[in-house]
PDB file of N, CA and C in Angstrom:
ATOM      1  N   MET A   1      -8.364  64.907 -60.058  1.00  0.00           N
ATOM      2  CA  MET A   1      -9.717  64.406 -59.998  1.00  0.00           C
ATOM      3  C   MET A   1     -10.684  65.503 -59.596  1.00  0.00           C
ATOM      4  N   ALA A   2     -10.308  66.703 -59.839  1.00  0.00           N
ATOM      5  CA  ALA A   2     -11.099  67.836 -59.359  1.00  0.00           C
ATOM      6  C   ALA A   2     -12.524  67.823 -59.906  1.00  0.00           C
ATOM      7  N   GLU A   3     -12.679  67.736 -61.216  1.00  0.00           N
ATOM      8  CA  GLU A   3     -14.029  67.824 -61.782  1.00  0.00           C
ATOM      9  C   GLU A   3     -14.908  66.664 -61.324  1.00  0.00           C
ATOM     10  N   LEU A   4     -14.391  65.454 -61.415  1.00  0.00           N
ATOM     11  CA  LEU A   4     -15.170  64.283 -61.021  1.00  0.00           C
ATOM     12  C   LEU A   4     -15.489  64.327 -59.531  1.00  0.00           C
ATOM     13  N   MET A   5     -14.501  64.618 -58.707  1.00  0.00           N
ATOM     14  CA  MET A   5     -14.742  64.680 -57.260  1.00  0.00           C
ATOM     15  C   MET A   5     -15.695  65.822 -56.903  1.00  0.00           C
ATOM     16  N   ASP A   6     -15.527  66.969 -57.547  1.00  0.00           N
ATOM     17  CA  ASP A   6     -16.437  68.090 -57.286  1.00  0.00           C
ATOM     18  C   ASP A   6     -17.872  67.709 -57.637  1.00  0.00           C
ATOM     19  N   TRP A   7     -18.034  67.041 -58.770  1.00  0.00           N
ATOM     20  CA  TRP A   7     -19.371  66.632 -59.201  1.00  0.00           C
ATOM     21  C   TRP A   7     -19.973  65.659 -58.183  1.00  0.00           C
ATOM     22  N   LEU A   8     -19.183  64.683 -57.763  1.00  0.00           N
ATOM     23  CA  LEU A   8     -19.674  63.703 -56.792  1.00  0.00           C
ATOM     24  C   LEU A   8     -20.044  64.362 -55.463  1.00  0.00           C
ATOM     25  N   GLU A   9     -19.229  65.289 -55.017  1.00  0.00           N
ATOM     26  CA  GLU A   9     -19.477  65.954 -53.745  1.00  0.00           C
ATOM     27  C   GLU A   9     -20.693  66.874 -53.789  1.00  0.00           C
ATOM     28  N   ALA A  10     -21.097  67.273 -54.979  1.00  0.00           N
ATOM     29  CA  ALA A  10     -22.246  68.166 -55.121  1.00  0.00           C
ATOM     30  C   ALA A  10     -23.584  67.426 -55.145  1.00  0.00           C
ATOM     31  N   ARG A  11     -23.565  66.092 -55.138  1.00  0.00           N
ATOM     32  CA  ARG A  11     -24.812  65.314 -55.206  1.00  0.00           C
ATOM     33  C   ARG A  11     -25.649  65.543 -53.954  1.00  0.00           C
ATOM     34  N   THR A  12     -26.929  65.726 -54.192  1.00  0.00           N
ATOM     35  CA  THR A  12     -27.876  65.817 -53.079  1.00  0.00           C
ATOM     36  C   THR A  12     -29.058  64.907 -53.389  1.00  0.00           C
ATOM     37  N   PRO A  13     -29.565  64.220 -52.417  1.00  0.00           N
ATOM     38  CA  PRO A  13     -29.042  64.173 -51.056  1.00  0.00           C
ATOM     39  C   PRO A  13     -27.701  63.434 -51.032  1.00  0.00           C
ATOM     40  N   GLU A  14     -26.923  63.689 -50.010  1.00  0.00           N
ATOM     41  CA  GLU A  14     -25.626  63.028 -49.876  1.00  0.00           C
ATOM     42  C   GLU A  14     -25.810  61.525 -49.695  1.00  0.00           C
ATOM     43  N   ALA A  15     -24.891  60.797 -50.266  1.00  0.00           N
ATOM     44  CA  ALA A  15     -24.865  59.348 -50.036  1.00  0.00           C
ATOM     45  C   ALA A  15     -24.370  59.099 -48.610  1.00  0.00           C
ATOM     46  N   PRO A  16     -24.655  57.933 -48.064  1.00  0.00           N
ATOM     47  CA  PRO A  16     -24.132  57.612 -46.734  1.00  0.00           C
ATOM     48  C   PRO A  16     -22.599  57.714 -46.711  1.00  0.00           C
ATOM     49  N   PRO A  17     -22.036  58.056 -45.567  1.00  0.00           N
ATOM     50  CA  PRO A  17     -20.586  58.276 -45.479  1.00  0.00           C
ATOM     51  C   PRO A  17     -19.733  57.117 -46.010  1.00  0.00           C
ATOM     52  N   ALA A  18     -20.070  55.873 -45.677  1.00  0.00           N
ATOM     53  CA  ALA A  18     -19.260  54.731 -46.133  1.00  0.00           C
ATOM     54  C   ALA A  18     -19.237  54.655 -47.658  1.00  0.00           C
ATOM     55  N   LEU A  19     -20.346  54.968 -48.273  1.00  0.00           N
ATOM     56  CA  LEU A  19     -20.442  54.944 -49.731  1.00  0.00           C
ATOM     57  C   LEU A  19     -19.611  56.071 -50.338  1.00  0.00           C
ATOM     58  N   ARG A  20     -19.740  57.264 -49.787  1.00  0.00           N
ATOM     59  CA  ARG A  20     -18.963  58.405 -50.291  1.00  0.00           C
ATOM     60  C   ARG A  20     -17.463  58.138 -50.184  1.00  0.00           C
ATOM     61  N   VAL A  21     -17.037  57.590 -49.060  1.00  0.00           N
ATOM     62  CA  VAL A  21     -15.616  57.306 -48.853  1.00  0.00           C
ATOM     63  C   VAL A  21     -15.126  56.254 -49.840  1.00  0.00           C
ATOM     64  N   ARG A  22     -15.897  55.191 -50.043  1.00  0.00           N
ATOM     65  CA  ARG A  22     -15.476  54.123 -50.965  1.00  0.00           C
ATOM     66  C   ARG A  22     -15.336  54.644 -52.378  1.00  0.00           C
ATOM     67  N   ILE A  23     -16.297  55.429 -52.837  1.00  0.00           N
ATOM     68  CA  ILE A  23     -16.238  55.976 -54.195  1.00  0.00           C
ATOM     69  C   ILE A  23     -15.077  56.960 -54.308  1.00  0.00           C
ATOM     70  N   ALA A  24     -14.908  57.831 -53.326  1.00  0.00           N
ATOM     71  CA  ALA A  24     -13.811  58.810 -53.357  1.00  0.00           C
ATOM     72  C   ALA A  24     -12.459  58.104 -53.384  1.00  0.00           C
ATOM     73  N   ASP A  25     -12.291  57.077 -52.554  1.00  0.00           N
ATOM     74  CA  ASP A  25     -11.020  56.337 -52.545  1.00  0.00           C
ATOM     75  C   ASP A  25     -10.731  55.735 -53.913  1.00  0.00           C
ATOM     76  N   LEU A  26     -11.741  55.139 -54.523  1.00  0.00           N
ATOM     77  CA  LEU A  26     -11.558  54.519 -55.833  1.00  0.00           C
ATOM     78  C   LEU A  26     -11.215  55.565 -56.889  1.00  0.00           C
ATOM     79  N   VAL A  27     -11.926  56.670 -56.896  1.00  0.00           N
ATOM     80  CA  VAL A  27     -11.674  57.734 -57.877  1.00  0.00           C
ATOM     81  C   VAL A  27     -10.251  58.256 -57.732  1.00  0.00           C
ATOM     82  N   LEU A  28      -9.800  58.427 -56.509  1.00  0.00           N
ATOM     83  CA  LEU A  28      -8.445  58.926 -56.280  1.00  0.00           C
ATOM     84  C   LEU A  28      -7.376  57.922 -56.720  1.00  0.00           C
ATOM     85  N   GLU A  29      -7.711  56.640 -56.721  1.00  0.00           N
ATOM     86  CA  GLU A  29      -6.790  55.600 -57.196  1.00  0.00           C
ATOM     87  C   GLU A  29      -6.676  55.578 -58.720  1.00  0.00           C
ATOM     88  N   HIS A  30      -7.600  56.242 -59.420  1.00  0.00           N
ATOM     89  CA  HIS A  30      -7.643  56.190 -60.888  1.00  0.00           C
ATOM     90  C   HIS A  30      -7.662  57.598 -61.495  1.00  0.00           C
ATOM     91  N   PRO A  31      -6.539  58.288 -61.454  1.00  0.00           N
ATOM     92  CA  PRO A  31      -6.497  59.644 -62.008  1.00  0.00           C
ATOM     93  C   PRO A  31      -6.778  59.687 -63.517  1.00  0.00           C
ATOM     94  N   GLU A  32      -6.632  58.560 -64.201  1.00  0.00           N
ATOM     95  CA  GLU A  32      -6.900  58.524 -65.644  1.00  0.00           C
ATOM     96  C   GLU A  32      -8.365  58.784 -65.957  1.00  0.00           C
ATOM     97  N   TRP A  33      -9.244  58.574 -64.997  1.00  0.00           N
ATOM     98  CA  TRP A  33     -10.670  58.805 -65.232  1.00  0.00           C
ATOM     99  C   TRP A  33     -10.987  60.287 -65.393  1.00  0.00           C
ATOM    100  N   GLU A  34     -10.133  61.147 -64.891  1.00  0.00           N
ATOM    101  CA  GLU A  34     -10.380  62.589 -64.997  1.00  0.00           C
ATOM    102  C   GLU A  34     -10.405  63.047 -66.456  1.00  0.00           C
ATOM    103  N   SER A  35      -9.681  62.344 -67.324  1.00  0.00           N
ATOM    104  CA  SER A  35      -9.644  62.745 -68.734  1.00  0.00           C
ATOM    105  C   SER A  35     -10.829  62.193 -69.530  1.00  0.00           C
ATOM    106  N   MET A  36     -11.651  61.379 -68.897  1.00  0.00           N
ATOM    107  CA  MET A  36     -12.805  60.787 -69.578  1.00  0.00           C
ATOM    108  C   MET A  36     -14.038  61.670 -69.373  1.00  0.00           C
ATOM    109  N   PRO A  37     -15.008  61.590 -70.303  1.00  0.00           N
ATOM    110  CA  PRO A  37     -16.288  62.247 -70.034  1.00  0.00           C
ATOM    111  C   PRO A  37     -16.876  61.691 -68.734  1.00  0.00           C
ATOM    112  N   LEU A  38     -17.531  62.533 -67.979  1.00  0.00           N
ATOM    113  CA  LEU A  38     -18.043  62.170 -66.661  1.00  0.00           C
ATOM    114  C   LEU A  38     -18.864  60.878 -66.652  1.00  0.00           C
ATOM    115  N   PRO A  39     -19.840  60.698 -67.551  1.00  0.00           N
ATOM    116  CA  PRO A  39     -20.608  59.444 -67.513  1.00  0.00           C
ATOM    117  C   PRO A  39     -19.728  58.207 -67.716  1.00  0.00           C
ATOM    118  N   GLU A  40     -18.769  58.287 -68.624  1.00  0.00           N
ATOM    119  CA  GLU A  40     -17.898  57.139 -68.886  1.00  0.00           C
ATOM    120  C   GLU A  40     -16.983  56.861 -67.696  1.00  0.00           C
ATOM    121  N   ALA A  41     -16.504  57.907 -67.040  1.00  0.00           N
ATOM    122  CA  ALA A  41     -15.671  57.715 -65.851  1.00  0.00           C
ATOM    123  C   ALA A  41     -16.461  57.021 -64.747  1.00  0.00           C
ATOM    124  N   LEU A  42     -17.700  57.403 -64.595  1.00  0.00           N
ATOM    125  CA  LEU A  42     -18.539  56.788 -63.562  1.00  0.00           C
ATOM    126  C   LEU A  42     -18.893  55.347 -63.899  1.00  0.00           C
ATOM    127  N   ILE A  43     -19.087  55.048 -65.170  1.00  0.00           N
ATOM    128  CA  ILE A  43     -19.312  53.657 -65.586  1.00  0.00           C
ATOM    129  C   ILE A  43     -18.043  52.848 -65.302  1.00  0.00           C
ATOM    130  N   ALA A  44     -16.878  53.408 -65.601  1.00  0.00           N
ATOM    131  CA  ALA A  44     -15.618  52.718 -65.313  1.00  0.00           C
ATOM    132  C   ALA A  44     -15.485  52.437 -63.819  1.00  0.00           C
ATOM    133  N   ALA A  45     -15.881  53.382 -62.989  1.00  0.00           N
ATOM    134  CA  ALA A  45     -15.833  53.179 -61.541  1.00  0.00           C
ATOM    135  C   ALA A  45     -16.780  52.054 -61.126  1.00  0.00           C
ATOM    136  N   GLY A  46     -17.996  52.065 -61.659  1.00  0.00           N
ATOM    137  CA  GLY A  46     -18.947  51.005 -61.347  1.00  0.00           C
ATOM    138  C   GLY A  46     -18.440  49.642 -61.794  1.00  0.00           C
ATOM    139  N   GLU A  47     -17.837  49.615 -62.974  1.00  0.00           N
ATOM    140  CA  GLU A  47     -17.288  48.363 -63.495  1.00  0.00           C
ATOM    141  C   GLU A  47     -16.164  47.854 -62.586  1.00  0.00           C
ATOM    142  N   ARG A  48     -15.283  48.742 -62.173  1.00  0.00           N
ATOM    143  CA  ARG A  48     -14.171  48.352 -61.294  1.00  0.00           C
ATOM    144  C   ARG A  48     -14.702  47.800 -59.962  1.00  0.00           C
ATOM    145  N   LEU A  49     -15.697  48.467 -59.412  1.00  0.00           N
ATOM    146  CA  LEU A  49     -16.279  48.008 -58.154  1.00  0.00           C
ATOM    147  C   LEU A  49     -16.937  46.638 -58.310  1.00  0.00           C
ATOM    148  N   MET A  50     -17.611  46.416 -59.432  1.00  0.00           N
ATOM    149  CA  MET A  50     -18.235  45.102 -59.665  1.00  0.00           C
ATOM    150  C   MET A  50     -17.175  44.017 -59.803  1.00  0.00           C
ATOM    151  N   GLN A  51     -16.037  44.348 -60.382  1.00  0.00           N
ATOM    152  CA  GLN A  51     -14.944  43.377 -60.450  1.00  0.00           C
ATOM    153  C   GLN A  51     -14.531  42.961 -59.035  1.00  0.00           C
ATOM    154  N   ASP A  52     -14.455  43.939 -58.131  1.00  0.00           N
ATOM    155  CA  ASP A  52     -14.102  43.640 -56.746  1.00  0.00           C
ATOM    156  C   ASP A  52     -15.165  42.752 -56.093  1.00  0.00           C
ATOM    157  N   VAL A  53     -16.429  43.049 -56.346  1.00  0.00           N
ATOM    158  CA  VAL A  53     -17.518  42.249 -55.772  1.00  0.00           C
ATOM    159  C   VAL A  53     -17.435  40.810 -56.282  1.00  0.00           C
ATOM    160  N   LEU A  54     -17.242  40.651 -57.579  1.00  0.00           N
ATOM    161  CA  LEU A  54     -17.201  39.308 -58.169  1.00  0.00           C
ATOM    162  C   LEU A  54     -15.966  38.527 -57.747  1.00  0.00           C
ATOM    163  N   ALA A  55     -14.894  39.227 -57.400  1.00  0.00           N
ATOM    164  CA  ALA A  55     -13.662  38.561 -56.971  1.00  0.00           C
ATOM    165  C   ALA A  55     -13.687  38.190 -55.489  1.00  0.00           C
ATOM    166  N   ALA A  56     -14.614  38.749 -54.743  1.00  0.00           N
ATOM    167  CA  ALA A  56     -14.700  38.483 -53.299  1.00  0.00           C
ATOM    168  C   ALA A  56     -15.239  37.082 -53.051  1.00  0.00           C
ATOM    169  N   PRO A  57     -14.873  36.505 -51.914  1.00  0.00           N
ATOM    170  CA  PRO A  57     -15.437  35.189 -51.565  1.00  0.00           C
ATOM    171  C   PRO A  57     -16.961  35.278 -51.463  1.00  0.00           C
ATOM    172  N   PRO A  58     -17.651  34.195 -51.779  1.00  0.00           N
ATOM    173  CA  PRO A  58     -19.119  34.200 -51.660  1.00  0.00           C
ATOM    174  C   PRO A  58     -19.562  34.578 -50.248  1.00  0.00           C
ATOM    175  N   ARG A  59     -20.654  35.298 -50.200  1.00  0.00           N
ATOM    176  CA  ARG A  59     -21.271  35.716 -48.933  1.00  0.00           C
ATOM    177  C   ARG A  59     -20.341  36.558 -48.072  1.00  0.00           C
ATOM    178  N   ASN A  60     -19.435  37.268 -48.709  1.00  0.00           N
ATOM    179  CA  ASN A  60     -18.531  38.155 -47.989  1.00  0.00           C
ATOM    180  C   ASN A  60     -19.236  39.494 -47.779  1.00  0.00           C
ATOM    181  N   ARG A  61     -19.626  39.771 -46.564  1.00  0.00           N
ATOM    182  CA  ARG A  61     -20.351  41.013 -46.283  1.00  0.00           C
ATOM    183  C   ARG A  61     -19.506  42.251 -46.500  1.00  0.00           C
ATOM    184  N   ASP A  62     -18.193  42.093 -46.507  1.00  0.00           N
ATOM    185  CA  ASP A  62     -17.320  43.235 -46.744  1.00  0.00           C
ATOM    186  C   ASP A  62     -17.517  43.813 -48.146  1.00  0.00           C
ATOM    187  N   SER A  63     -18.004  42.999 -49.065  1.00  0.00           N
ATOM    188  CA  SER A  63     -18.198  43.478 -50.434  1.00  0.00           C
ATOM    189  C   SER A  63     -19.523  44.215 -50.612  1.00  0.00           C
ATOM    190  N   ALA A  64     -20.339  44.282 -49.560  1.00  0.00           N
ATOM    191  CA  ALA A  64     -21.634  44.964 -49.667  1.00  0.00           C
ATOM    192  C   ALA A  64     -21.463  46.440 -50.018  1.00  0.00           C
ATOM    193  N   VAL A  65     -20.494  47.097 -49.418  1.00  0.00           N
ATOM    194  CA  VAL A  65     -20.269  48.510 -49.724  1.00  0.00           C
ATOM    195  C   VAL A  65     -19.845  48.667 -51.180  1.00  0.00           C
ATOM    196  N   ASP A  66     -19.006  47.745 -51.679  1.00  0.00           N
ATOM    197  CA  ASP A  66     -18.599  47.808 -53.081  1.00  0.00           C
ATOM    198  C   ASP A  66     -19.796  47.639 -54.009  1.00  0.00           C
ATOM    199  N   LEU A  67     -20.702  46.735 -53.676  1.00  0.00           N
ATOM    200  CA  LEU A  67     -21.894  46.516 -54.500  1.00  0.00           C
ATOM    201  C   LEU A  67     -22.775  47.763 -54.514  1.00  0.00           C
ATOM    202  N   LEU A  68     -22.991  48.347 -53.356  1.00  0.00           N
ATOM    203  CA  LEU A  68     -23.788  49.574 -53.280  1.00  0.00           C
ATOM    204  C   LEU A  68     -23.093  50.733 -54.001  1.00  0.00           C
ATOM    205  N   ALA A  69     -21.782  50.815 -53.874  1.00  0.00           N
ATOM    206  CA  ALA A  69     -21.032  51.880 -54.542  1.00  0.00           C
ATOM    207  C   ALA A  69     -21.070  51.700 -56.060  1.00  0.00           C
ATOM    208  N   ALA A  70     -21.011  50.452 -56.526  1.00  0.00           N
ATOM    209  CA  ALA A  70     -21.112  50.191 -57.967  1.00  0.00           C
ATOM    210  C   ALA A  70     -22.455  50.662 -58.494  1.00  0.00           C
ATOM    211  N   ASP A  71     -23.513  50.326 -57.772  1.00  0.00           N
ATOM    212  CA  ASP A  71     -24.854  50.770 -58.152  1.00  0.00           C
ATOM    213  C   ASP A  71     -24.929  52.294 -58.176  1.00  0.00           C
ATOM    214  N   ALA A  72     -24.353  52.928 -57.165  1.00  0.00           N
ATOM    215  CA  ALA A  72     -24.372  54.397 -57.100  1.00  0.00           C
ATOM    216  C   ALA A  72     -23.614  55.002 -58.277  1.00  0.00           C
ATOM    217  N   CYS A  73     -22.470  54.434 -58.612  1.00  0.00           N
ATOM    218  CA  CYS A  73     -21.677  54.985 -59.725  1.00  0.00           C
ATOM    219  C   CYS A  73     -22.426  54.890 -61.052  1.00  0.00           C
ATOM    220  N   VAL A  74     -23.069  53.766 -61.293  1.00  0.00           N
ATOM    221  CA  VAL A  74     -23.820  53.615 -62.543  1.00  0.00           C
ATOM    222  C   VAL A  74     -25.021  54.572 -62.546  1.00  0.00           C
ATOM    223  N   THR A  75     -25.680  54.698 -61.420  1.00  0.00           N
ATOM    224  CA  THR A  75     -26.795  55.652 -61.317  1.00  0.00           C
ATOM    225  C   THR A  75     -26.298  57.072 -61.563  1.00  0.00           C
ATOM    226  N   TYR A  76     -25.180  57.427 -60.952  1.00  0.00           N
ATOM    227  CA  TYR A  76     -24.593  58.750 -61.160  1.00  0.00           C
ATOM    228  C   TYR A  76     -24.211  58.966 -62.622  1.00  0.00           C
ATOM    229  N   ALA A  77     -23.742  57.916 -63.290  1.00  0.00           N
ATOM    230  CA  ALA A  77     -23.365  58.038 -64.705  1.00  0.00           C
ATOM    231  C   ALA A  77     -24.558  58.501 -65.536  1.00  0.00           C
ATOM    232  N   PHE A  78     -25.727  57.934 -65.251  1.00  0.00           N
ATOM    233  CA  PHE A  78     -26.908  58.321 -66.016  1.00  0.00           C
ATOM    234  C   PHE A  78     -27.434  59.681 -65.580  1.00  0.00           C
ATOM    235  N   GLU A  79     -27.241  60.023 -64.340  1.00  0.00           N
ATOM    236  CA  GLU A  79     -27.582  61.371 -63.894  1.00  0.00           C
ATOM    237  C   GLU A  79     -26.708  62.392 -64.633  1.00  0.00           C
ATOM    238  N   ALA A  80     -25.419  62.108 -64.741  1.00  0.00           N
ATOM    239  CA  ALA A  80     -24.510  63.007 -65.457  1.00  0.00           C
ATOM    240  C   ALA A  80     -24.848  63.060 -66.943  1.00  0.00           C
ATOM    241  N   ALA A  81     -25.252  61.929 -67.498  1.00  0.00           N
ATOM    242  CA  ALA A  81     -25.577  61.872 -68.925  1.00  0.00           C
ATOM    243  C   ALA A  81     -26.866  62.598 -69.251  1.00  0.00           C
ATOM    244  N   ALA A  82     -27.682  62.874 -68.260  1.00  0.00           N
ATOM    245  CA  ALA A  82     -28.952  63.569 -68.505  1.00  0.00           C
ATOM    246  C   ALA A  82     -28.732  64.949 -69.117  1.00  0.00           C
ATOM    247  N   ASP A  83     -27.538  65.494 -68.938  1.00  0.00           N
ATOM    248  CA  ASP A  83     -27.216  66.786 -69.558  1.00  0.00           C
ATOM    249  C   ASP A  83     -27.067  66.668 -71.070  1.00  0.00           C
ATOM    250  N   GLU A  84     -26.862  65.448 -71.558  1.00  0.00           N
ATOM    251  CA  GLU A  84     -26.738  65.184 -72.988  1.00  0.00           C
ATOM    252  C   GLU A  84     -27.634  63.989 -73.342  1.00  0.00           C
ATOM    253  N   PRO A  85     -28.941  64.193 -73.355  1.00  0.00           N
ATOM    254  CA  PRO A  85     -29.857  63.056 -73.529  1.00  0.00           C
ATOM    255  C   PRO A  85     -29.645  62.262 -74.809  1.00  0.00           C
ATOM    256  N   GLU A  86     -29.091  62.877 -75.816  1.00  0.00           N
ATOM    257  CA  GLU A  86     -28.854  62.148 -77.064  1.00  0.00           C
ATOM    258  C   GLU A  86     -27.803  61.056 -76.908  1.00  0.00           C
ATOM    259  N   ARG A  87     -27.042  61.068 -75.819  1.00  0.00           N
ATOM    260  CA  ARG A  87     -25.990  60.073 -75.591  1.00  0.00           C
ATOM    261  C   ARG A  87     -26.436  58.941 -74.664  1.00  0.00           C
ATOM    262  N   ILE A  88     -27.608  59.033 -74.086  1.00  0.00           N
ATOM    263  CA  ILE A  88     -28.017  58.067 -73.059  1.00  0.00           C
ATOM    264  C   ILE A  88     -28.166  56.655 -73.626  1.00  0.00           C
ATOM    265  N   VAL A  89     -28.722  56.506 -74.815  1.00  0.00           N
ATOM    266  CA  VAL A  89     -28.905  55.160 -75.383  1.00  0.00           C
ATOM    267  C   VAL A  89     -27.545  54.505 -75.607  1.00  0.00           C
ATOM    268  N   ALA A  90     -26.599  55.224 -76.172  1.00  0.00           N
ATOM    269  CA  ALA A  90     -25.266  54.661 -76.402  1.00  0.00           C
ATOM    270  C   ALA A  90     -24.577  54.339 -75.071  1.00  0.00           C
ATOM    271  N   LEU A  91     -24.740  55.207 -74.090  1.00  0.00           N
ATOM    272  CA  LEU A  91     -24.151  54.964 -72.779  1.00  0.00           C
ATOM    273  C   LEU A  91     -24.751  53.704 -72.162  1.00  0.00           C
ATOM    274  N   ALA A  92     -26.066  53.566 -72.237  1.00  0.00           N
ATOM    275  CA  ALA A  92     -26.736  52.387 -71.675  1.00  0.00           C
ATOM    276  C   ALA A  92     -26.275  51.113 -72.370  1.00  0.00           C
ATOM    277  N   ASP A  93     -26.205  51.138 -73.689  1.00  0.00           N
ATOM    278  CA  ASP A  93     -25.750  49.955 -74.432  1.00  0.00           C
ATOM    279  C   ASP A  93     -24.329  49.573 -74.028  1.00  0.00           C
ATOM    280  N   GLY A  94     -23.449  50.557 -73.981  1.00  0.00           N
ATOM    281  CA  GLY A  94     -22.060  50.294 -73.609  1.00  0.00           C
ATOM    282  C   GLY A  94     -21.933  49.790 -72.190  1.00  0.00           C
ATOM    283  N   ALA A  95     -22.681  50.393 -71.276  1.00  0.00           N
ATOM    284  CA  ALA A  95     -22.632  49.970 -69.871  1.00  0.00           C
ATOM    285  C   ALA A  95     -23.118  48.533 -69.720  1.00  0.00           C
ATOM    286  N   MET A  96     -24.216  48.189 -70.395  1.00  0.00           N
ATOM    287  CA  MET A  96     -24.742  46.821 -70.300  1.00  0.00           C
ATOM    288  C   MET A  96     -23.728  45.816 -70.827  1.00  0.00           C
ATOM    289  N   GLN A  97     -23.094  46.138 -71.938  1.00  0.00           N
ATOM    290  CA  GLN A  97     -22.114  45.226 -72.511  1.00  0.00           C
ATOM    291  C   GLN A  97     -20.912  45.042 -71.585  1.00  0.00           C
ATOM    292  N   ARG A  98     -20.419  46.146 -71.023  1.00  0.00           N
ATOM    293  CA  ARG A  98     -19.244  46.068 -70.142  1.00  0.00           C
ATOM    294  C   ARG A  98     -19.573  45.276 -68.876  1.00  0.00           C
ATOM    295  N   ILE A  99     -20.713  45.534 -68.286  1.00  0.00           N
ATOM    296  CA  ILE A  99     -21.071  44.855 -67.045  1.00  0.00           C
ATOM    297  C   ILE A  99     -21.397  43.376 -67.310  1.00  0.00           C
ATOM    298  N   ALA A 100     -22.036  43.091 -68.437  1.00  0.00           N
ATOM    299  CA  ALA A 100     -22.337  41.696 -68.776  1.00  0.00           C
ATOM    300  C   ALA A 100     -21.056  40.884 -68.987  1.00  0.00           C
ATOM    301  N   ARG A 101     -20.036  41.495 -69.559  1.00  0.00           N
ATOM    302  CA  ARG A 101     -18.763  40.798 -69.758  1.00  0.00           C
ATOM    303  C   ARG A 101     -18.131  40.381 -68.432  1.00  0.00           C
ATOM    304  N   LEU A 102     -18.401  41.110 -67.380  1.00  0.00           N
ATOM    305  CA  LEU A 102     -17.833  40.775 -66.065  1.00  0.00           C
ATOM    306  C   LEU A 102     -18.332  39.424 -65.577  1.00  0.00           C
ATOM    307  N   ALA A 103     -19.570  39.111 -65.894  1.00  0.00           N
ATOM    308  CA  ALA A 103     -20.164  37.852 -65.441  1.00  0.00           C
ATOM    309  C   ALA A 103     -19.689  36.655 -66.271  1.00  0.00           C
ATOM    310  N   GLY A 104     -19.181  36.938 -67.461  1.00  0.00           N
ATOM    311  CA  GLY A 104     -18.784  35.871 -68.371  1.00  0.00           C
ATOM    312  C   GLY A 104     -17.428  35.367 -68.068  1.00  0.00           C
TER     313      GLY A 104
END
């Protein structure tokens, strides 16, 4: 997970410690994401975190970090995609479809 973790660790300003730890733990659990383009890996991380949020009992405050981490991962995905602006529309369409399916 060197490239993905290095990229995440280079973000400034730094995310709060709880958020950084949650994202790092998740990334380390999914070594398959290292072979994906960075924006897609980050969307996959956000999607996985949202699955955890949706599976949690209602009003479970423990899932707050997962919700914030999901938001951060999707935001980071678009930050990473900014290096290839021609891909942003396709990334946005795919991300919306994947996240919308979670609610269904």
